Amino acid sequence: MNENQTNTPMEDDDEDMRVTLSLDDGSDVECAILTIFDVNEQDYIALLPLDENGEGNEDGEVYIYRYFEDNDGNPSLENIQDDDEYEAVADRFDELLDEEAFDDME
């Protein structure tokens, strides 16, 4: 996935944080921030691509990137190139989803 070059945080309302990714093909896609989480002392971000109506995509596709903030708190994203790193991050994201589903059942 060669998605990001820039991202622009936007607040839709007090609860929904969104970013707009500029893709390598020159198009933009608006995404909802699902979570920012840590794996092996590196932050990652999970983004849900939204359709033109601001709804989540029907495929359940999620974009996961390395997440950084500079000294001024400006965010930036970086593609995950290593397969082993991606697997570890995807597994942790799945665990977070399972934990949330469990919490919702209580």
N, C-alpha and C. Protein backbone atom coordinates (compact mmCIF):
# COMPACT_ATOMS: atom_id res chain seq x y z
N MET A 1 0.84 -1.17 0.00
CA MET A 1 0.00 0.00 0.00
C MET A 1 0.89 1.24 0.00
N ASN A 2 0.79 2.05 -1.00
CA ASN A 2 1.61 3.26 -1.11
C ASN A 2 0.74 4.48 -0.87
N GLU A 3 0.07 4.53 0.23
CA GLU A 3 -0.96 5.52 0.41
C GLU A 3 -0.47 6.92 0.71
N ASN A 4 0.27 7.10 1.77
CA ASN A 4 0.40 8.45 2.28
C ASN A 4 1.60 9.21 1.77
N GLN A 5 1.38 10.47 1.60
CA GLN A 5 2.47 11.41 1.45
C GLN A 5 2.27 12.54 2.45
N THR A 6 1.04 12.95 2.62
CA THR A 6 0.75 13.96 3.64
C THR A 6 -0.55 13.60 4.32
N ASN A 7 -0.76 14.18 5.46
CA ASN A 7 -2.04 14.00 6.12
C ASN A 7 -2.42 15.30 6.79
N THR A 8 -3.71 15.56 6.83
CA THR A 8 -4.20 16.79 7.40
C THR A 8 -5.27 16.45 8.43
N PRO A 9 -4.99 16.65 9.73
CA PRO A 9 -6.02 16.35 10.72
C PRO A 9 -7.17 17.34 10.61
N MET A 10 -8.37 16.83 10.76
CA MET A 10 -9.57 17.67 10.75
C MET A 10 -10.51 17.13 11.81
N GLU A 11 -11.11 17.99 12.57
CA GLU A 11 -12.10 17.53 13.52
C GLU A 11 -13.47 17.66 12.90
N ASP A 12 -14.17 16.53 12.82
CA ASP A 12 -15.53 16.52 12.30
C ASP A 12 -16.48 17.01 13.38
N ASP A 13 -16.28 16.49 14.58
CA ASP A 13 -16.98 17.00 15.76
C ASP A 13 -16.08 16.70 16.95
N ASP A 14 -16.60 16.84 18.15
CA ASP A 14 -15.76 16.66 19.32
C ASP A 14 -15.22 15.24 19.45
N GLU A 15 -15.89 14.24 18.87
CA GLU A 15 -15.49 12.86 19.07
C GLU A 15 -14.77 12.27 17.87
N ASP A 16 -15.12 12.65 16.66
CA ASP A 16 -14.54 12.03 15.46
C ASP A 16 -13.35 12.84 14.96
N MET A 17 -12.18 12.20 14.99
CA MET A 17 -11.00 12.81 14.39
C MET A 17 -10.83 12.17 13.03
N ARG A 18 -10.53 13.00 12.05
CA ARG A 18 -10.35 12.52 10.68
C ARG A 18 -9.07 13.09 10.11
N VAL A 19 -8.54 12.39 9.14
CA VAL A 19 -7.39 12.85 8.38
C VAL A 19 -7.70 12.66 6.90
N THR A 20 -7.05 13.46 6.10
CA THR A 20 -7.14 13.29 4.65
C THR A 20 -5.77 12.85 4.17
N LEU A 21 -5.71 11.66 3.55
CA LEU A 21 -4.46 11.14 3.01
C LEU A 21 -4.35 11.55 1.56
N SER A 22 -3.18 12.00 1.17
CA SER A 22 -2.87 12.26 -0.23
C SER A 22 -2.16 11.03 -0.76
N LEU A 23 -2.81 10.34 -1.69
CA LEU A 23 -2.28 9.09 -2.21
C LEU A 23 -1.24 9.34 -3.30
N ASP A 24 -0.45 8.32 -3.57
CA ASP A 24 0.59 8.43 -4.59
C ASP A 24 0.03 8.74 -5.97
N ASP A 25 -1.22 8.34 -6.23
CA ASP A 25 -1.82 8.60 -7.55
C ASP A 25 -2.41 10.00 -7.68
N GLY A 26 -2.22 10.84 -6.63
CA GLY A 26 -2.71 12.21 -6.67
C GLY A 26 -4.10 12.40 -6.10
N SER A 27 -4.78 11.31 -5.78
CA SER A 27 -6.13 11.43 -5.20
C SER A 27 -6.02 11.56 -3.68
N ASP A 28 -7.10 11.99 -3.07
CA ASP A 28 -7.19 12.12 -1.61
C ASP A 28 -8.27 11.18 -1.10
N VAL A 29 -8.08 10.67 0.10
CA VAL A 29 -9.10 9.84 0.74
C VAL A 29 -9.22 10.30 2.19
N GLU A 30 -10.47 10.54 2.60
CA GLU A 30 -10.73 10.93 3.98
C GLU A 30 -10.87 9.67 4.81
N CYS A 31 -10.24 9.69 6.00
CA CYS A 31 -10.25 8.52 6.88
C CYS A 31 -10.60 8.95 8.31
N ALA A 32 -11.31 8.08 8.99
CA ALA A 32 -11.55 8.26 10.42
C ALA A 32 -10.40 7.59 11.17
N ILE A 33 -9.94 8.24 12.23
CA ILE A 33 -8.90 7.65 13.07
C ILE A 33 -9.58 6.66 14.01
N LEU A 34 -9.22 5.39 13.89
CA LEU A 34 -9.77 4.38 14.78
C LEU A 34 -9.04 4.35 16.10
N THR A 35 -7.71 4.32 16.04
CA THR A 35 -6.91 4.28 17.25
C THR A 35 -5.44 4.53 16.92
N ILE A 36 -4.72 4.96 17.92
CA ILE A 36 -3.26 5.03 17.86
C ILE A 36 -2.78 4.10 18.95
N PHE A 37 -1.88 3.19 18.62
CA PHE A 37 -1.45 2.18 19.57
C PHE A 37 0.05 1.93 19.42
N ASP A 38 0.60 1.24 20.41
CA ASP A 38 2.04 1.03 20.51
C ASP A 38 2.37 -0.45 20.29
N VAL A 39 3.41 -0.70 19.52
CA VAL A 39 3.99 -2.04 19.39
C VAL A 39 5.50 -1.86 19.45
N ASN A 40 6.12 -2.52 20.42
CA ASN A 40 7.58 -2.46 20.57
C ASN A 40 8.11 -1.02 20.59
N GLU A 41 7.45 -0.18 21.36
CA GLU A 41 7.85 1.21 21.57
C GLU A 41 7.77 2.09 20.32
N GLN A 42 7.00 1.66 19.32
CA GLN A 42 6.73 2.45 18.12
C GLN A 42 5.22 2.66 18.05
N ASP A 43 4.79 3.89 17.78
CA ASP A 43 3.37 4.17 17.63
C ASP A 43 2.90 3.85 16.22
N TYR A 44 1.67 3.36 16.15
CA TYR A 44 1.01 3.07 14.87
C TYR A 44 -0.38 3.66 14.91
N ILE A 45 -0.94 3.93 13.74
CA ILE A 45 -2.28 4.49 13.65
C ILE A 45 -3.11 3.61 12.72
N ALA A 46 -4.35 3.37 13.11
CA ALA A 46 -5.29 2.62 12.28
C ALA A 46 -6.34 3.59 11.76
N LEU A 47 -6.51 3.61 10.45
CA LEU A 47 -7.43 4.54 9.79
C LEU A 47 -8.48 3.78 9.00
N LEU A 48 -9.72 4.24 9.09
CA LEU A 48 -10.83 3.66 8.35
C LEU A 48 -11.16 4.58 7.19
N PRO A 49 -10.91 4.14 5.93
CA PRO A 49 -11.26 4.97 4.78
C PRO A 49 -12.78 5.18 4.73
N LEU A 50 -13.19 6.41 4.44
CA LEU A 50 -14.61 6.75 4.40
C LEU A 50 -15.06 6.94 2.97
N ASP A 51 -16.34 6.66 2.72
CA ASP A 51 -16.89 6.89 1.39
C ASP A 51 -17.30 8.36 1.26
N GLU A 52 -17.88 8.70 0.14
CA GLU A 52 -18.26 10.09 -0.13
C GLU A 52 -19.31 10.62 0.85
N ASN A 53 -20.01 9.71 1.54
CA ASN A 53 -21.01 10.11 2.54
C ASN A 53 -20.44 10.15 3.95
N GLY A 54 -19.14 9.92 4.07
CA GLY A 54 -18.52 9.94 5.39
C GLY A 54 -18.74 8.66 6.18
N GLU A 55 -19.18 7.60 5.50
CA GLU A 55 -19.42 6.31 6.14
C GLU A 55 -18.22 5.40 5.92
N GLY A 56 -18.03 4.42 6.82
CA GLY A 56 -16.96 3.44 6.66
C GLY A 56 -17.16 2.62 5.41
N ASN A 57 -16.07 2.15 4.84
CA ASN A 57 -16.16 1.35 3.62
C ASN A 57 -16.81 0.01 3.91
N GLU A 58 -17.47 -0.57 2.92
CA GLU A 58 -18.20 -1.82 3.10
C GLU A 58 -17.27 -3.02 3.28
N ASP A 59 -16.04 -2.92 2.78
CA ASP A 59 -15.09 -4.04 2.86
C ASP A 59 -14.50 -4.21 4.25
N GLY A 60 -14.63 -3.21 5.09
CA GLY A 60 -13.99 -3.25 6.40
C GLY A 60 -12.49 -3.01 6.31
N GLU A 61 -12.05 -2.45 5.18
CA GLU A 61 -10.63 -2.17 4.97
C GLU A 61 -10.14 -1.12 5.96
N VAL A 62 -8.97 -1.37 6.52
CA VAL A 62 -8.34 -0.45 7.46
C VAL A 62 -6.91 -0.22 7.00
N TYR A 63 -6.45 1.02 7.05
CA TYR A 63 -5.06 1.35 6.74
C TYR A 63 -4.30 1.47 8.06
N ILE A 64 -3.13 0.87 8.11
CA ILE A 64 -2.28 0.95 9.30
C ILE A 64 -0.92 1.51 8.88
N TYR A 65 -0.45 2.52 9.61
CA TYR A 65 0.82 3.19 9.33
C TYR A 65 1.62 3.37 10.61
N ARG A 66 2.92 3.56 10.45
CA ARG A 66 3.72 4.07 11.57
C ARG A 66 3.27 5.50 11.80
N TYR A 67 3.25 5.91 13.07
CA TYR A 67 2.77 7.24 13.44
C TYR A 67 3.86 7.95 14.22
N PHE A 68 4.14 9.18 13.83
CA PHE A 68 5.14 10.01 14.50
C PHE A 68 4.57 11.40 14.75
N GLU A 69 5.08 12.06 15.76
CA GLU A 69 4.80 13.49 15.97
C GLU A 69 6.14 14.18 16.12
N ASP A 70 6.27 15.37 15.49
CA ASP A 70 7.50 16.13 15.64
C ASP A 70 7.47 16.89 16.97
N ASN A 71 8.49 17.68 17.22
CA ASN A 71 8.59 18.40 18.50
C ASN A 71 7.45 19.37 18.72
N ASP A 72 6.80 19.82 17.64
CA ASP A 72 5.68 20.74 17.75
C ASP A 72 4.34 20.01 17.82
N GLY A 73 4.37 18.67 17.81
CA GLY A 73 3.14 17.90 17.88
C GLY A 73 2.46 17.68 16.53
N ASN A 74 3.16 18.01 15.43
CA ASN A 74 2.60 17.79 14.10
C ASN A 74 2.73 16.31 13.73
N PRO A 75 1.62 15.67 13.34
CA PRO A 75 1.67 14.24 13.03
C PRO A 75 2.22 13.96 11.64
N SER A 76 2.81 12.79 11.50
CA SER A 76 3.20 12.30 10.18
C SER A 76 3.05 10.78 10.17
N LEU A 77 2.84 10.23 8.98
CA LEU A 77 2.64 8.80 8.81
C LEU A 77 3.72 8.25 7.90
N GLU A 78 4.01 6.97 8.10
CA GLU A 78 5.02 6.31 7.27
C GLU A 78 4.53 4.90 6.97
N ASN A 79 4.69 4.47 5.71
CA ASN A 79 4.31 3.12 5.34
C ASN A 79 5.15 2.10 6.10
N ILE A 80 4.56 0.95 6.36
CA ILE A 80 5.26 -0.18 6.97
C ILE A 80 5.75 -1.05 5.82
N GLN A 81 7.06 -1.14 5.65
CA GLN A 81 7.63 -1.89 4.54
C GLN A 81 7.96 -3.35 4.88
N ASP A 82 8.25 -3.62 6.14
CA ASP A 82 8.69 -4.94 6.57
C ASP A 82 7.49 -5.84 6.88
N ASP A 83 7.45 -7.02 6.26
CA ASP A 83 6.33 -7.94 6.45
C ASP A 83 6.18 -8.40 7.90
N ASP A 84 7.31 -8.69 8.56
CA ASP A 84 7.25 -9.14 9.95
C ASP A 84 6.70 -8.04 10.86
N GLU A 85 7.15 -6.82 10.63
CA GLU A 85 6.64 -5.69 11.41
C GLU A 85 5.14 -5.52 11.18
N TYR A 86 4.73 -5.59 9.92
CA TYR A 86 3.30 -5.43 9.60
C TYR A 86 2.47 -6.52 10.28
N GLU A 87 2.95 -7.76 10.26
CA GLU A 87 2.22 -8.86 10.90
C GLU A 87 2.07 -8.62 12.40
N ALA A 88 3.14 -8.18 13.06
CA ALA A 88 3.09 -7.91 14.50
C ALA A 88 2.09 -6.79 14.80
N VAL A 89 2.10 -5.75 13.98
CA VAL A 89 1.20 -4.61 14.18
C VAL A 89 -0.25 -5.02 13.90
N ALA A 90 -0.47 -5.78 12.82
CA ALA A 90 -1.83 -6.24 12.49
C ALA A 90 -2.36 -7.15 13.59
N ASP A 91 -1.51 -8.02 14.13
CA ASP A 91 -1.94 -8.90 15.22
C ASP A 91 -2.34 -8.09 16.45
N ARG A 92 -1.56 -7.06 16.77
CA ARG A 92 -1.88 -6.21 17.93
C ARG A 92 -3.19 -5.47 17.69
N PHE A 93 -3.42 -4.98 16.48
CA PHE A 93 -4.66 -4.29 16.16
C PHE A 93 -5.84 -5.25 16.31
N ASP A 94 -5.69 -6.49 15.86
CA ASP A 94 -6.75 -7.50 16.03
C ASP A 94 -7.04 -7.74 17.50
N GLU A 95 -5.98 -7.79 18.33
CA GLU A 95 -6.16 -7.96 19.77
C GLU A 95 -6.96 -6.79 20.35
N LEU A 96 -6.65 -5.57 19.91
CA LEU A 96 -7.39 -4.40 20.39
C LEU A 96 -8.86 -4.49 20.01
N LEU A 97 -9.15 -4.95 18.79
CA LEU A 97 -10.54 -5.12 18.36
C LEU A 97 -11.24 -6.15 19.21
N ASP A 98 -10.55 -7.27 19.50
CA ASP A 98 -11.14 -8.31 20.34
C ASP A 98 -11.41 -7.79 21.75
N GLU A 99 -10.47 -7.01 22.31
CA GLU A 99 -10.66 -6.44 23.65
C GLU A 99 -11.86 -5.51 23.68
N GLU A 100 -12.00 -4.69 22.63
CA GLU A 100 -13.13 -3.76 22.57
C GLU A 100 -14.45 -4.52 22.45
N ALA A 101 -14.48 -5.56 21.64
CA ALA A 101 -15.70 -6.36 21.49
C ALA A 101 -16.06 -7.02 22.82
N PHE A 102 -15.05 -7.49 23.55
CA PHE A 102 -15.30 -8.10 24.85
C PHE A 102 -15.85 -7.06 25.83
N ASP A 103 -15.24 -5.87 25.84
CA ASP A 103 -15.71 -4.81 26.73
C ASP A 103 -17.14 -4.41 26.41
N ASP A 104 -17.51 -4.42 25.13
CA ASP A 104 -18.88 -4.07 24.74
C ASP A 104 -19.91 -5.09 25.22
N MET A 105 -19.49 -6.34 25.43
CA MET A 105 -20.39 -7.40 25.88
C MET A 105 -20.69 -7.30 27.37
N GLU A 106 -19.83 -6.66 28.13
CA GLU A 106 -20.01 -6.58 29.58
C GLU A 106 -21.07 -5.57 29.96
